[in-house]
Each structure stands twice: as C-alpha cells, then as structure tokens.
Protein backbone atom coordinates (compact mmCIF):
# COMPACT_ATOMS: atom_id res chain seq x y z
CA MET A 1 56.12 0.76 -38.11
CA ILE A 2 54.73 -2.61 -37.10
CA GLN A 3 54.40 -1.17 -33.56
CA ASN A 4 52.40 1.78 -34.69
CA HIS A 5 50.18 -0.44 -36.74
CA SER A 6 49.68 -2.64 -33.80
CA ASN A 7 48.75 0.29 -31.50
CA GLY A 8 46.33 1.59 -34.25
CA PHE A 9 44.57 -1.60 -34.53
CA CYS A 10 44.22 -1.98 -30.62
CA LEU A 11 42.81 1.63 -30.51
CA ARG A 12 40.25 0.88 -33.16
CA ALA A 13 39.31 -2.35 -31.57
CA SER A 14 38.90 -0.70 -28.19
CA VAL A 15 36.62 2.01 -29.85
CA ASN A 16 34.51 -0.68 -31.48
CA VAL A 17 34.15 -2.66 -28.25
CA ARG A 18 32.98 0.64 -26.44
CA ARG A 19 30.54 1.27 -29.23
CA PHE A 20 29.35 -2.24 -28.94
CA PHE A 21 28.50 -2.05 -25.24
CA PHE A 22 27.48 1.68 -25.34
CA LEU A 23 24.55 1.11 -27.91
CA PRO A 24 22.75 -1.56 -25.94
CA ALA A 25 23.25 0.27 -22.67
CA SER A 26 21.80 3.51 -24.14
CA LEU A 27 18.79 1.52 -25.54
CA ILE A 28 18.27 0.07 -22.09
CA LEU A 29 18.49 3.48 -20.38
CA LEU A 30 16.21 4.96 -23.09
CA PHE A 31 13.65 2.17 -22.48
CA CYS A 32 13.79 2.52 -18.72
CA SER A 33 13.37 6.28 -18.84
CA ILE A 34 10.50 6.08 -21.10
CA PHE A 35 8.82 3.41 -18.99
CA VAL A 36 9.44 5.51 -15.80
CA SER A 37 8.18 8.58 -17.44
CA CYS A 38 4.91 6.73 -18.62
CA ALA A 39 4.44 5.27 -15.17
CA SER A 40 4.75 8.80 -13.64
CA LEU A 41 2.37 10.53 -16.00
CA PRO A 42 -0.62 12.05 -14.14
CA GLN A 43 -3.99 10.25 -14.79
CA GLN A 44 -5.55 13.89 -14.64
CA SER A 45 -4.46 17.05 -16.39
CA PRO A 46 -3.41 20.01 -13.96
CA GLU A 47 -6.72 21.78 -14.62
CA ALA A 48 -8.67 18.69 -13.78
CA LEU A 49 -6.70 18.12 -10.57
CA SER A 50 -7.24 21.84 -9.67
CA ALA A 51 -10.86 21.43 -10.06
CA ALA A 52 -11.01 18.20 -8.15
CA GLN A 53 -9.02 19.86 -5.26
CA GLU A 54 -11.82 22.69 -5.13
CA LYS A 55 -14.56 20.11 -5.00
CA LEU A 56 -12.74 18.07 -2.37
CA SER A 57 -12.50 21.26 -0.03
CA LEU A 58 -16.03 20.19 1.04
CA GLU A 59 -15.72 17.04 3.18
CA SER A 60 -19.41 16.19 2.38
CA SER A 61 -18.15 15.72 -1.39
CA TYR A 62 -16.19 12.57 -0.35
CA ILE A 63 -17.43 11.62 2.89
CA PRO A 64 -20.91 10.07 2.88
CA SER A 65 -23.33 10.93 5.67
CA ARG A 66 -23.78 7.29 6.00
CA PHE A 67 -21.60 4.35 5.05
CA GLU A 68 -23.64 1.54 3.32
CA TRP A 69 -21.83 -1.66 4.12
CA SER A 70 -22.00 -4.88 2.02
CA PRO A 71 -21.18 -8.17 3.99
CA LEU A 72 -18.50 -10.32 2.53
CA CYS A 73 -18.39 -12.95 5.31
CA ARG A 74 -18.52 -13.02 9.02
CA GLY A 75 -16.41 -10.20 10.47
CA ILE A 76 -15.81 -8.53 7.06
CA ASP A 77 -17.82 -5.73 5.28
CA THR A 78 -17.06 -3.64 2.36
CA PHE A 79 -17.99 -0.20 0.95
CA ARG A 80 -17.22 1.56 -2.33
CA PHE A 81 -17.43 5.17 -3.04
CA GLU A 82 -17.77 6.71 -6.59
CA ASP A 83 -18.39 10.10 -7.82
CA THR A 84 -17.78 10.59 -11.48
CA ASP A 85 -18.17 14.45 -11.10
CA ILE A 86 -15.12 14.89 -9.03
CA PRO A 87 -14.03 12.16 -10.22
CA LEU A 88 -13.12 10.00 -7.20
CA VAL A 89 -13.24 6.18 -6.43
CA TYR A 90 -12.29 4.59 -3.18
CA HIS A 91 -12.86 1.42 -1.20
CA VAL A 92 -13.10 0.53 2.45
CA VAL A 93 -12.92 -2.87 4.06
CA ARG A 94 -13.92 -3.20 7.59
CA ILE A 95 -12.42 -6.09 9.55
CA ASP A 96 -13.46 -7.32 12.89
CA LEU A 97 -10.15 -8.34 14.64
CA SER A 98 -12.07 -10.22 17.48
CA GLU A 99 -13.58 -12.59 15.05
CA PRO A 100 -12.39 -16.10 15.61
CA SER A 101 -12.88 -17.26 12.09
CA LEU A 102 -10.50 -14.60 10.58
CA SER A 103 -6.71 -14.68 10.51
CA LEU A 104 -4.46 -11.61 9.79
CA ALA A 105 -0.98 -12.25 8.27
CA CYS A 106 1.72 -10.49 6.27
CA VAL A 107 3.26 -12.23 3.50
CA LYS A 108 6.30 -11.76 1.16
CA GLY A 109 5.33 -11.20 -2.66
CA SER A 110 3.17 -9.28 -4.83
CA VAL A 111 -0.51 -9.08 -4.07
CA PRO A 112 -1.73 -11.31 -6.93
CA SER A 113 0.81 -13.99 -6.08
CA VAL A 114 0.06 -13.84 -2.41
CA VAL A 115 -3.76 -14.05 -3.15
CA LYS A 116 -2.97 -17.13 -5.37
CA LYS A 117 -0.79 -18.68 -2.80
CA THR A 118 -2.91 -18.14 0.34
CA SER A 119 -6.40 -17.94 -0.90
CA ALA A 120 -6.82 -14.63 1.05
CA ILE A 121 -10.22 -13.15 1.14
CA VAL A 122 -8.76 -9.62 1.42
CA ALA A 123 -5.17 -8.65 0.34
CA PHE A 124 -3.54 -5.29 -0.17
CA ASN A 125 0.14 -3.96 -0.75
CA ALA A 126 1.91 -2.62 2.27
CA THR A 127 5.54 -1.43 2.56
CA GLN A 128 7.36 1.00 0.11
CA PHE A 129 10.24 -0.26 -1.61
CA GLU A 130 13.25 0.90 -3.81
CA SER A 131 14.93 -0.42 -6.88
CA LYS A 132 18.50 -1.21 -7.56
CA PHE A 133 19.60 -1.61 -11.26
CA PHE A 134 16.01 -1.42 -12.28
CA VAL A 135 14.97 -4.26 -10.08
CA PHE A 136 12.51 -3.67 -7.22
CA ASN A 137 14.30 -5.55 -4.46
CA ARG A 138 14.56 -3.71 -1.06
CA LEU A 139 11.87 -2.72 1.40
CA LYS A 140 12.22 0.75 2.84
CA GLY A 141 11.13 -0.10 6.37
CA VAL A 142 10.41 -2.78 8.87
CA PHE A 143 8.88 -6.08 7.85
CA ARG A 144 8.67 -8.71 10.58
CA MET A 145 6.70 -11.85 9.45
CA ASP A 146 5.76 -14.22 12.35
CA GLY A 147 8.84 -13.30 14.37
CA GLU A 148 11.19 -13.43 11.15
CA GLU A 149 13.09 -10.01 10.39
CA ILE A 150 12.94 -9.40 6.81
CA GLY A 151 12.93 -5.63 6.44
CA MET A 152 15.16 -3.38 8.72
CA PRO A 153 13.28 -0.57 10.66
CA VAL A 154 13.49 2.96 9.43
CA GLU A 155 12.64 5.30 12.49
CA LYS A 156 11.22 8.19 10.48
CA TYR A 157 8.44 5.84 9.12
CA CYS A 158 5.43 4.36 11.06
CA ALA A 159 4.21 0.88 11.21
CA LEU A 160 1.29 -1.52 11.73
CA LEU A 161 1.94 -4.15 14.48
CA PHE A 162 -0.26 -7.19 15.14
CA ASP A 163 -0.33 -10.73 16.40
CA SER A 164 -2.81 -13.37 17.74
CA SER A 165 -4.44 -12.53 20.95
CA LEU A 166 -4.17 -16.19 22.10
CA ALA A 167 -0.40 -15.93 21.76
CA ASN A 168 -0.57 -13.20 24.28
CA GLY A 169 -2.67 -14.78 26.92
CA ALA A 170 -5.79 -13.13 26.04
CA CYS A 171 -9.18 -14.95 25.90
CA GLY A 172 -11.62 -15.35 23.01
CA GLY A 173 -9.06 -15.48 20.16
CA GLY A 174 -8.82 -12.85 17.32
CA PHE A 175 -5.89 -10.53 16.82
CA ARG A 176 -4.55 -7.48 18.57
CA ALA A 177 -3.08 -4.63 16.59
CA SER A 178 -1.47 -1.17 17.14
CA ILE A 179 -0.16 1.72 14.91
CA VAL A 180 3.05 3.31 16.07
CA GLU A 181 4.53 6.53 14.62
CA SER A 182 8.14 5.43 14.64
CA GLN A 183 9.78 1.96 13.93
CA THR A 184 11.99 2.14 17.09
CA GLU A 185 13.10 -0.95 18.80
CA GLU A 186 11.14 -0.05 21.76
CA ALA A 187 7.95 0.34 19.79
CA LEU A 188 8.39 -2.87 17.98
CA LEU A 189 9.35 -4.97 21.13
CA GLY A 190 6.98 -7.97 21.78
CA TRP A 191 5.15 -7.94 18.37
CA LYS A 192 5.41 -11.11 16.16
CA ASN A 193 4.38 -9.13 13.03
CA ALA A 194 5.48 -5.55 11.92
CA VAL A 195 4.75 -4.00 8.68
CA GLY A 196 6.22 -0.62 7.82
CA GLY A 197 4.45 2.32 6.18
CA PHE A 198 4.98 5.87 5.59
CA PHE A 199 3.37 8.22 8.12
CA VAL A 200 0.63 8.36 10.64
CA VAL A 201 -2.28 10.55 9.38
CA LEU A 202 -4.57 10.32 12.35
CA LYS A 203 -3.39 10.19 15.90
CA ASP A 204 -5.60 10.01 18.96
CA GLY A 205 -8.63 11.11 16.80
CA VAL A 206 -6.88 14.25 15.49
CA PRO A 207 -5.79 14.58 11.91
CA CYS A 208 -2.05 15.21 11.41
CA GLN A 209 -0.94 18.23 9.37
CA PHE A 210 1.12 17.77 6.05
CA LYS A 211 2.53 20.69 3.96
CA VAL A 212 2.07 18.76 0.71
CA GLN A 213 -1.61 18.00 -0.17
CA SER A 214 -1.00 16.02 -3.50
CA LEU A 215 -3.89 13.84 -4.90
CA ARG A 216 -2.61 10.33 -5.36
CA ALA A 217 -3.62 6.63 -5.09
CA ARG A 218 -3.65 5.72 -1.37
CA VAL A 219 -3.38 2.58 0.76
CA GLY A 220 -3.88 2.84 4.51
CA VAL A 221 -5.25 1.19 7.61
CA GLY A 222 -7.10 2.69 10.69
CA LEU A 223 -7.88 1.21 14.06
CA THR A 224 -10.86 2.16 16.37
CA GLU A 225 -10.14 3.14 20.09
CA ASP A 226 -10.59 -0.42 21.36
CA ALA A 227 -8.38 -1.72 18.49
CA LYS A 228 -11.00 -4.36 17.54
CA THR A 229 -11.92 -3.19 14.21
CA MET A 230 -9.42 -2.34 11.47
CA TYR A 231 -10.49 -0.24 8.40
CA VAL A 232 -8.48 -0.76 5.16
CA LEU A 233 -8.82 2.40 2.75
CA VAL A 234 -7.72 2.09 -0.82
CA VAL A 235 -8.13 5.12 -3.09
CA GLU A 236 -7.87 4.67 -6.82
CA GLU A 237 -6.02 6.98 -9.43
CA ASN A 238 -7.36 5.33 -12.61
CA LYS A 239 -10.40 7.38 -13.60
CA SER A 240 -10.14 8.92 -10.23
CA CYS A 241 -8.23 12.04 -8.94
CA GLY A 242 -6.88 10.27 -5.81
CA LEU A 243 -6.86 11.87 -2.34
CA SER A 244 -4.33 13.52 -0.16
CA TYR A 245 -3.12 12.48 3.36
CA GLY A 246 -5.36 15.02 4.90
CA HIS A 247 -8.44 13.71 3.05
CA CYS A 248 -7.69 10.16 4.16
CA ALA A 249 -7.23 11.25 7.70
CA LEU A 250 -10.79 12.94 7.77
CA LEU A 251 -12.16 9.71 6.10
CA PHE A 252 -10.62 7.63 8.78
CA LYS A 253 -12.06 9.79 11.47
CA ALA A 254 -15.47 9.67 9.94
CA LEU A 255 -15.26 5.83 10.04
CA GLY A 256 -14.66 5.94 13.81
CA CYS A 257 -10.77 5.38 13.80
CA LYS A 258 -8.62 6.71 16.74
CA ASP A 259 -5.44 6.03 14.72
CA ALA A 260 -4.53 5.65 11.01
CA MET A 261 -1.50 5.37 8.88
CA GLU A 262 -0.55 5.18 5.05
CA PHE A 263 1.18 2.39 3.32
CA ASP A 264 2.76 2.60 -0.08
CA GLY A 265 0.30 3.96 -2.66
CA GLY A 266 0.72 5.52 -6.03
CA HIS A 267 1.53 2.94 -8.73
CA SER A 268 1.88 0.16 -6.30
CA THR A 269 -1.77 0.36 -5.09
CA ALA A 270 -3.52 -3.08 -5.17
CA LEU A 271 -6.47 -4.50 -3.40
CA TYR A 272 -8.06 -7.85 -3.82
CA VAL A 273 -11.50 -8.85 -2.31
CA GLY A 274 -12.75 -12.24 -2.54
CA GLY A 275 -9.91 -13.42 -4.60
CA LYS A 276 -10.27 -10.68 -7.31
CA SER A 277 -8.84 -7.15 -7.74
CA VAL A 278 -11.54 -4.55 -7.20
CA LEU A 279 -9.69 -1.63 -8.72
CA LEU A 280 -10.39 -0.35 -12.05
CA GLY A 281 -6.71 -0.65 -13.17
CA TYR A 282 -3.85 -2.84 -12.30
CA PRO A 283 -0.55 -1.61 -10.42
CA TRP A 284 2.22 -0.46 -12.41
CA ARG A 285 4.75 -1.86 -9.91
CA SER A 286 4.44 -5.17 -8.01
CA SER A 287 4.86 -4.86 -4.38
CA LEU A 288 7.41 -6.95 -2.21
CA ASN A 289 5.00 -7.66 0.55
CA ALA A 290 1.25 -7.56 1.39
CA ILE A 291 -1.16 -7.79 4.32
CA VAL A 292 -3.73 -10.68 4.06
CA VAL A 293 -6.98 -11.61 5.67
CA LEU A 294 -7.95 -15.37 5.80
CA SER A 295 -11.29 -16.56 6.56
CA ASP A 296 -12.59 -19.94 7.79
CA CYS A 297 -16.05 -19.34 6.17
CA SER A 298 -16.95 -19.39 2.54
CA LEU A 299 -17.83 -16.22 0.84
CA GLY A 300 -21.49 -15.07 1.45
CA LYS A 301 -21.76 -17.69 4.21
CA GLY A 302 -21.72 -17.60 7.97
CA MET A 303 -23.62 -14.18 7.93
CA GLU A 304 -25.97 -15.27 10.80
C-alpha cells in the first residue's frame, strides 16, 4: 500500500511539473506565432496589390523620364519617388566610388546601431539571416569584413565585393567594386570585403527573369559599367505596394547600371541618410550587418 501511494504521488507530481512547464511554453509559442503572423501581414489587400500590379505593368508609372537628384555631399546624391495613386515609394542613393573623401565599409550590427557607432552618412541593411530559438543570429551567406570571415559563403546566392583601390595598387584612391552571381571561392578570391545578398537581377545590362513577381520592400545595389558609380535602391512597403525583382532590374537599367543585385528586403528593410531613417516606417527585424558610406566632408558642404 505504501509503495502504491508513493507511485501515485510521484505520478501526480510528474503531471504537475509537466503542466507547469507546458503552460509557459504554450504562451511563448502563442506569442511568437502572433508576432510572426502580424509581421507577415501584407500592407495592402489582395485587391489593392492586384491593382498596383496592373499600374506597374507600364514602366513609365514607376520609372521617371528624368531623375531629379538632390546633392547630399561631395560624391553622394539622393532621389525619392512617390506616387500615392499606385501607391509606391522608393529611394535611390548615387555614390561616386572614385571620390577620395568617401569610404565604403561593411559593419556588424543593426542599421540604427551602426549609424550611431560610425556616424555613417549612408547606411542600409544587407545579408539575409535566419533565426534559432526565436533569436536572429545566423547570416545566410558570405560576410567578409576587412579580411575577417564572419559569414560563410552560400554558392546559390550572389554578393557585393569591394575594397580600397589604393590597397590594390591603383592610383587616385576611392574604391573598386564588383557584383558576382555566386559566392564561390574563386569569385571571392582577392577581395577584402564581401557582403552576401539574394540574387542578381541585372547582368550585363539585361534584366534577369524570375518566375515569382511578388511586390515587396526591396534593398539592392547596382554598378555602372566602369564600376565607379554605385546605386542603392530601397523600396518601401509601408504606405507603398513595393516592387518585384523584375521592376527593380528595369529601374537599375534606367539608372545606367550594368549589373545589379538584391539584398535582404521585406521586414528588414532599412535606409539611413544623413544620420536619420528616410523610410516611412521602421523595420520589424533588426539586421545582423550593414553597408555604410562614410564622408570626410560635412552635410551640404564640399559641393563645389
């Protein structure tokens, strides 16, 4: 009888312990599922997105006949597009990589923290990442920062490569850059900085084809044929329908790019110009790395 009573007590205790741990775990999972669901909700209704797709079928609806640039500092100009009828909002930053007063770098951390730490004049999120146990902690692609290997290459994804021209024996300072389709050992060889993205959308001036043409917030960069000018394109999804890879490719081509690629977009999208976010909303998720541009000259100065 004593033995049976003891077993019964142990059984009840075991059940109580399971209930104790099950309830908090259930609440955590419920909270996380609600958060993820909310973060994944489309900003536009299916009907609105369908109407936007139809309007965007005309290139002239989102590609202006002329880009009206606003100077930020020597070597950097900005452009903002907004059409409330589509609706669509995107930003373009034009960067002269041959300008000696500018420095290009990739840094660990979220865009806001990186801007605060480096006083970057331009900063945007870069490599996609994944979560483990509800913590965003692993890059999904190459991340080489000044020769230090931080993120491992993933061959199916593309990358932006860059380093100082002076470090490679060239004259005049500035930076050299290249976009590669695959993060192979051969493609990355000899570059001090490598930042992984998703896919190349423009190659040798020809837009790449994609089966899926979903409208999302986007972050991408493009390079001109001489690789001396880099364009940063950031498309919003807050009060904006977003763009597809195909739309971005045509935009980069209109800007005069030869090659262009896409970084992580969606709810990670972030762009800071002049130390402040220029987006209508803030990112749901904090990125793990960022690309920044530093300037020796003050804002609005050195434009002569």
